[in-house]
Amino acid sequence: MYRVFEALDELVTIVEEARSVPMTSGCVVPRGDVLELLDEVRDSYPSELDDAQDVLDHRDELVNKAKSEADDSLSTARSEAEKTSSEARAEAEKMLADARERADEIVAQARADAEQTINNARREYEDYIARAQSESDRMVQAGRAAYDQSIHEGRSEQARLVSDTEVVQQSQHEAKRVVDEAHEEAERLRSDCDAYVDSRLADFEELLGRTLRTVGKGRQQLRRPMSAPFDYEEWQTSEHGTAVSEH
């Protein structure tokens, strides 16, 4: 390659030193020397230049071939992308269907548990009411019996002492006292009965409150986002759910 530059420099020197042709801008150069230098320049060029020229000559063919291969690759990539997208869509739909089925099962189980809890609470309430009513009736009957016994004793005492005015008056006072005490005892028994019924109703009200909180907690669990799945066992063993079951 260095010889090429030398030959070109010699050609320039020959042209610069050549004799001018009168009345023209041309000159006379030694043909043999110039041709010899040109042959040396041609022979000194590397073979890569020919290869580069071949590449340039076939540039359009190579570009079209590369474009065709790129189109084929793009078509294949699009087909693969569509296939992958279709498979991903099918998998997502399957996962969504499974999640909906699981959510329906959880809702059905929660509804069944809530209904069972409410039924148990209703039966316990009815049992409380029955026992309270029975206890109330028993206490009222006892109060009436005590009242009747007091009246009977007061009347017997009054009849026995009827002959003596002073004794009769005392008897009347005593009878009145006995009657008043009987009334007070009856009122006390009634008050105790009311207090007992109120206590049972308060217990049932607390039970219903815990049951409603349990149902509310279950509904909140069902509103969780899909990234945070519902844990049914954790809900069953929560503080409020355990309190209702043990009760």
Protein backbone atom coordinates (compact mmCIF):
# COMPACT_ATOMS: atom_id res chain seq x y z
CA MET A 1 0.00 0.00 0.00
CA TYR A 2 2.96 2.31 0.67
CA ARG A 3 4.12 1.77 -2.95
CA VAL A 4 0.85 3.18 -4.20
CA PHE A 5 1.55 6.54 -2.60
CA GLU A 6 5.11 6.53 -3.97
CA ALA A 7 3.87 5.81 -7.49
CA LEU A 8 1.31 8.56 -7.24
CA ASP A 9 3.97 11.00 -6.05
CA GLU A 10 6.17 10.03 -9.06
CA LEU A 11 3.24 10.58 -11.44
CA VAL A 12 2.66 14.02 -9.97
CA THR A 13 6.39 14.85 -10.39
CA ILE A 14 6.39 13.65 -14.03
CA VAL A 15 3.36 15.80 -14.86
CA GLU A 16 4.83 18.83 -13.09
CA GLU A 17 8.21 18.49 -14.91
CA ALA A 18 6.80 17.60 -18.34
CA ARG A 19 7.41 19.94 -21.28
CA SER A 20 4.53 22.22 -22.10
CA VAL A 21 2.92 22.17 -25.53
CA PRO A 22 3.14 25.67 -27.01
CA MET A 23 -0.03 27.65 -27.16
CA THR A 24 -1.93 25.06 -24.97
CA SER A 25 -2.27 24.05 -21.38
CA GLY A 26 -1.22 20.49 -22.21
CA CYS A 27 2.15 18.84 -21.74
CA VAL A 28 4.22 15.97 -23.10
CA VAL A 29 4.80 13.07 -20.69
CA PRO A 30 6.73 9.84 -21.19
CA ARG A 31 4.01 7.29 -21.91
CA GLY A 32 6.01 4.26 -20.87
CA ASP A 33 6.95 5.66 -17.48
CA VAL A 34 3.38 6.75 -16.77
CA LEU A 35 1.89 3.40 -17.80
CA GLU A 36 4.48 1.56 -15.73
CA LEU A 37 3.64 3.64 -12.65
CA LEU A 38 -0.09 3.14 -13.25
CA ASP A 39 0.44 -0.63 -13.44
CA GLU A 40 2.34 -0.50 -10.18
CA VAL A 41 -0.48 1.48 -8.57
CA ARG A 42 -3.05 -1.01 -9.82
CA ASP A 43 -1.02 -4.00 -8.68
CA SER A 44 -0.33 -2.42 -5.28
CA TYR A 45 -3.99 -1.98 -4.35
CA PRO A 46 -5.08 -4.63 -1.77
CA SER A 47 -7.50 -7.36 -2.81
CA GLU A 48 -9.94 -6.12 -0.17
CA LEU A 49 -10.81 -3.22 -2.45
CA ASP A 50 -12.07 -5.66 -5.07
CA ASP A 51 -14.12 -7.41 -2.39
CA ALA A 52 -15.47 -4.06 -1.30
CA GLN A 53 -16.38 -3.25 -4.87
CA ASP A 54 -18.13 -6.60 -5.19
CA VAL A 55 -20.06 -5.78 -2.02
CA LEU A 56 -21.02 -2.41 -3.46
CA ASP A 57 -22.05 -4.07 -6.72
CA HIS A 58 -24.26 -6.51 -4.80
CA ARG A 59 -25.45 -3.95 -2.25
CA ASP A 60 -29.06 -3.89 -3.41
CA GLU A 61 -29.18 -7.67 -3.46
CA LEU A 62 -27.77 -7.86 0.08
CA VAL A 63 -30.11 -5.12 1.32
CA ASN A 64 -33.14 -6.87 -0.16
CA LYS A 65 -32.03 -10.18 1.30
CA ALA A 66 -31.49 -8.60 4.74
CA LYS A 67 -34.88 -6.89 4.49
CA SER A 68 -36.56 -10.18 3.55
CA GLU A 69 -34.89 -11.95 6.48
CA ALA A 70 -35.92 -9.09 8.79
CA ASP A 71 -39.53 -9.34 7.56
CA ASP A 72 -39.50 -13.09 8.15
CA SER A 73 -38.07 -12.59 11.64
CA LEU A 74 -40.66 -9.90 12.39
CA SER A 75 -43.49 -12.14 11.16
CA THR A 76 -42.20 -15.03 13.27
CA ALA A 77 -41.86 -12.74 16.30
CA ARG A 78 -45.40 -11.46 15.81
CA SER A 79 -46.75 -15.00 15.56
CA GLU A 80 -44.91 -16.00 18.72
CA ALA A 81 -46.15 -12.88 20.49
CA GLU A 82 -49.75 -13.55 19.47
CA LYS A 83 -49.43 -17.17 20.58
CA THR A 84 -47.91 -16.14 23.91
CA SER A 85 -50.59 -13.46 24.39
CA SER A 86 -53.36 -15.97 23.62
CA GLU A 87 -51.92 -18.50 26.07
CA ALA A 88 -51.51 -15.81 28.75
CA ARG A 89 -55.10 -14.63 28.19
CA ALA A 90 -56.41 -18.20 28.48
CA GLU A 91 -54.39 -18.76 31.67
CA ALA A 92 -55.64 -15.48 33.14
CA GLU A 93 -59.25 -16.38 32.34
CA LYS A 94 -58.77 -19.78 33.97
CA MET A 95 -57.25 -18.20 37.08
CA LEU A 96 -60.12 -15.69 37.23
CA ALA A 97 -62.69 -18.50 36.93
CA ASP A 98 -60.95 -20.46 39.70
CA ALA A 99 -60.85 -17.35 41.90
CA ARG A 100 -64.56 -16.68 41.34
CA GLU A 101 -65.41 -20.31 42.12
CA ARG A 102 -63.34 -20.15 45.32
CA ALA A 103 -64.98 -16.84 46.30
CA ASP A 104 -68.44 -18.35 45.75
CA GLU A 105 -67.49 -21.31 47.96
CA ILE A 106 -66.22 -18.98 50.69
CA VAL A 107 -69.38 -16.84 50.52
CA ALA A 108 -71.59 -19.94 50.67
CA GLN A 109 -69.64 -21.32 53.65
CA ALA A 110 -69.72 -17.96 55.45
CA ARG A 111 -73.47 -17.67 54.83
CA ALA A 112 -74.05 -21.20 56.13
CA ASP A 113 -71.94 -20.51 59.23
CA ALA A 114 -73.76 -17.22 59.85
CA GLU A 115 -77.16 -18.91 59.51
CA GLN A 116 -76.08 -21.68 61.85
CA THR A 117 -74.81 -19.16 64.40
CA ILE A 118 -78.05 -17.17 64.18
CA ASN A 119 -80.13 -20.33 64.57
CA ASN A 120 -78.09 -21.34 67.62
CA ALA A 121 -78.49 -17.87 69.07
CA ARG A 122 -82.24 -17.95 68.41
CA ARG A 123 -82.60 -21.33 70.14
CA GLU A 124 -80.55 -20.11 73.09
CA TYR A 125 -82.67 -16.95 73.27
CA GLU A 126 -85.88 -18.98 73.26
CA ASP A 127 -84.44 -21.23 75.97
CA TYR A 128 -83.50 -18.18 78.07
CA ILE A 129 -86.99 -16.74 77.64
CA ALA A 130 -88.63 -20.06 78.56
CA ARG A 131 -86.51 -20.43 81.70
CA ALA A 132 -87.07 -16.79 82.65
CA GLN A 133 -90.83 -17.16 82.14
CA SER A 134 -90.85 -20.35 84.21
CA GLU A 135 -88.84 -18.70 86.99
CA SER A 136 -91.10 -15.65 86.85
CA ASP A 137 -94.25 -17.78 87.11
CA ARG A 138 -92.76 -19.75 90.01
CA MET A 139 -91.83 -16.59 91.89
CA VAL A 140 -95.27 -15.02 91.25
CA GLN A 141 -96.99 -18.18 92.48
CA ALA A 142 -94.80 -18.20 95.57
CA GLY A 143 -95.64 -14.54 96.19
CA ARG A 144 -99.35 -15.19 95.80
CA ALA A 145 -99.17 -18.20 98.13
CA ALA A 146 -97.32 -16.13 100.74
CA TYR A 147 -99.84 -13.33 100.32
CA ASP A 148 -102.81 -15.71 100.68
CA GLN A 149 -101.20 -17.35 103.70
CA SER A 150 -100.68 -13.97 105.34
CA ILE A 151 -104.29 -12.94 104.64
CA HIS A 152 -105.55 -16.22 106.03
CA GLU A 153 -103.45 -15.89 109.20
CA GLY A 154 -104.55 -12.25 109.61
CA ARG A 155 -108.22 -13.12 109.29
CA SER A 156 -107.88 -16.05 111.69
CA GLU A 157 -106.21 -13.84 114.24
CA GLN A 158 -108.84 -11.17 113.71
CA ALA A 159 -111.69 -13.63 114.26
CA ARG A 160 -110.06 -15.01 117.39
CA LEU A 161 -109.68 -11.57 118.97
CA VAL A 162 -112.95 -10.07 117.74
CA SER A 163 -114.52 -10.08 121.26
CA ASP A 164 -112.05 -7.56 122.63
CA THR A 165 -112.13 -4.09 121.08
CA GLU A 166 -108.52 -3.28 121.94
CA VAL A 167 -107.45 -6.68 120.80
CA VAL A 168 -109.53 -6.26 117.69
CA GLN A 169 -107.81 -2.99 116.91
CA GLN A 170 -104.43 -4.57 117.46
CA SER A 171 -105.56 -7.43 115.32
CA GLN A 172 -106.60 -5.05 112.60
CA HIS A 173 -103.24 -3.29 112.75
CA GLU A 174 -101.45 -6.60 112.70
CA ALA A 175 -103.57 -7.78 109.82
CA LYS A 176 -102.83 -4.58 107.93
CA ARG A 177 -99.12 -5.02 108.66
CA VAL A 178 -99.22 -8.59 107.48
CA VAL A 179 -101.07 -7.57 104.33
CA ASP A 180 -98.59 -4.74 103.68
CA GLU A 181 -95.68 -7.12 104.16
CA ALA A 182 -97.33 -9.58 101.81
CA HIS A 183 -97.71 -6.83 99.20
CA GLU A 184 -94.08 -5.77 99.71
CA GLU A 185 -92.93 -9.39 99.39
CA ALA A 186 -94.96 -9.80 96.22
CA GLU A 187 -93.46 -6.58 94.80
CA ARG A 188 -89.97 -7.74 95.77
CA LEU A 189 -90.52 -11.09 94.09
CA ARG A 190 -91.82 -9.35 90.98
CA SER A 191 -88.80 -6.99 90.96
CA ASP A 192 -86.41 -9.96 91.33
CA CYS A 193 -88.18 -11.70 88.46
CA ASP A 194 -87.90 -8.59 86.25
CA ALA A 195 -84.21 -8.26 87.13
CA TYR A 196 -83.62 -11.92 86.26
CA VAL A 197 -85.38 -11.60 82.89
CA ASP A 198 -83.47 -8.37 82.13
CA SER A 199 -80.16 -10.11 82.94
CA ARG A 200 -80.99 -12.99 80.59
CA LEU A 201 -81.98 -10.57 77.84
CA ALA A 202 -78.72 -8.60 78.33
CA ASP A 203 -76.74 -11.84 77.93
CA PHE A 204 -78.61 -12.62 74.73
CA GLU A 205 -78.07 -9.06 73.45
CA GLU A 206 -74.30 -9.46 73.99
CA LEU A 207 -74.39 -12.81 72.17
CA LEU A 208 -76.19 -11.26 69.19
CA GLY A 209 -73.64 -8.40 69.16
CA ARG A 210 -70.74 -10.86 68.99
CA THR A 211 -72.53 -12.78 66.24
CA LEU A 212 -73.07 -9.61 64.17
CA ARG A 213 -69.41 -8.62 64.60
CA THR A 214 -68.39 -12.07 63.41
CA VAL A 215 -70.60 -11.78 60.33
CA GLY A 216 -69.21 -8.27 59.66
CA LYS A 217 -65.65 -9.53 59.92
CA GLY A 218 -66.48 -12.30 57.46
CA ARG A 219 -67.87 -9.76 55.00
CA GLN A 220 -64.74 -7.63 55.34
CA GLN A 221 -62.61 -10.69 54.59
CA LEU A 222 -64.66 -11.26 51.41
CA ARG A 223 -63.92 -7.66 50.28
CA ARG A 224 -60.15 -8.23 50.25
CA PRO A 225 -58.32 -7.62 47.04
CA MET A 226 -57.30 -10.67 44.95
CA SER A 227 -53.61 -10.03 45.91
CA ALA A 228 -54.58 -10.63 49.44
CA PRO A 229 -56.54 -14.06 49.42
CA PHE A 230 -59.20 -14.77 51.99
CA ASP A 231 -58.01 -17.11 54.77
CA TYR A 232 -61.12 -18.94 55.98
CA GLU A 233 -59.32 -20.88 58.73
CA GLU A 234 -57.86 -17.67 60.14
CA TRP A 235 -61.37 -16.13 60.13
CA GLN A 236 -62.86 -19.18 61.96
CA THR A 237 -60.18 -19.05 64.67
CA SER A 238 -60.32 -15.25 65.12
CA GLU A 239 -61.12 -13.77 68.51
CA HIS A 240 -64.83 -13.04 67.84
CA GLY A 241 -65.46 -16.28 65.93
CA THR A 242 -63.98 -18.35 68.78
CA ALA A 243 -66.01 -16.42 71.36
CA VAL A 244 -69.27 -17.16 69.57
CA SER A 245 -68.46 -20.85 69.09
CA GLU A 246 -67.44 -21.41 72.67
CA HIS A 247 -70.56 -19.66 73.93
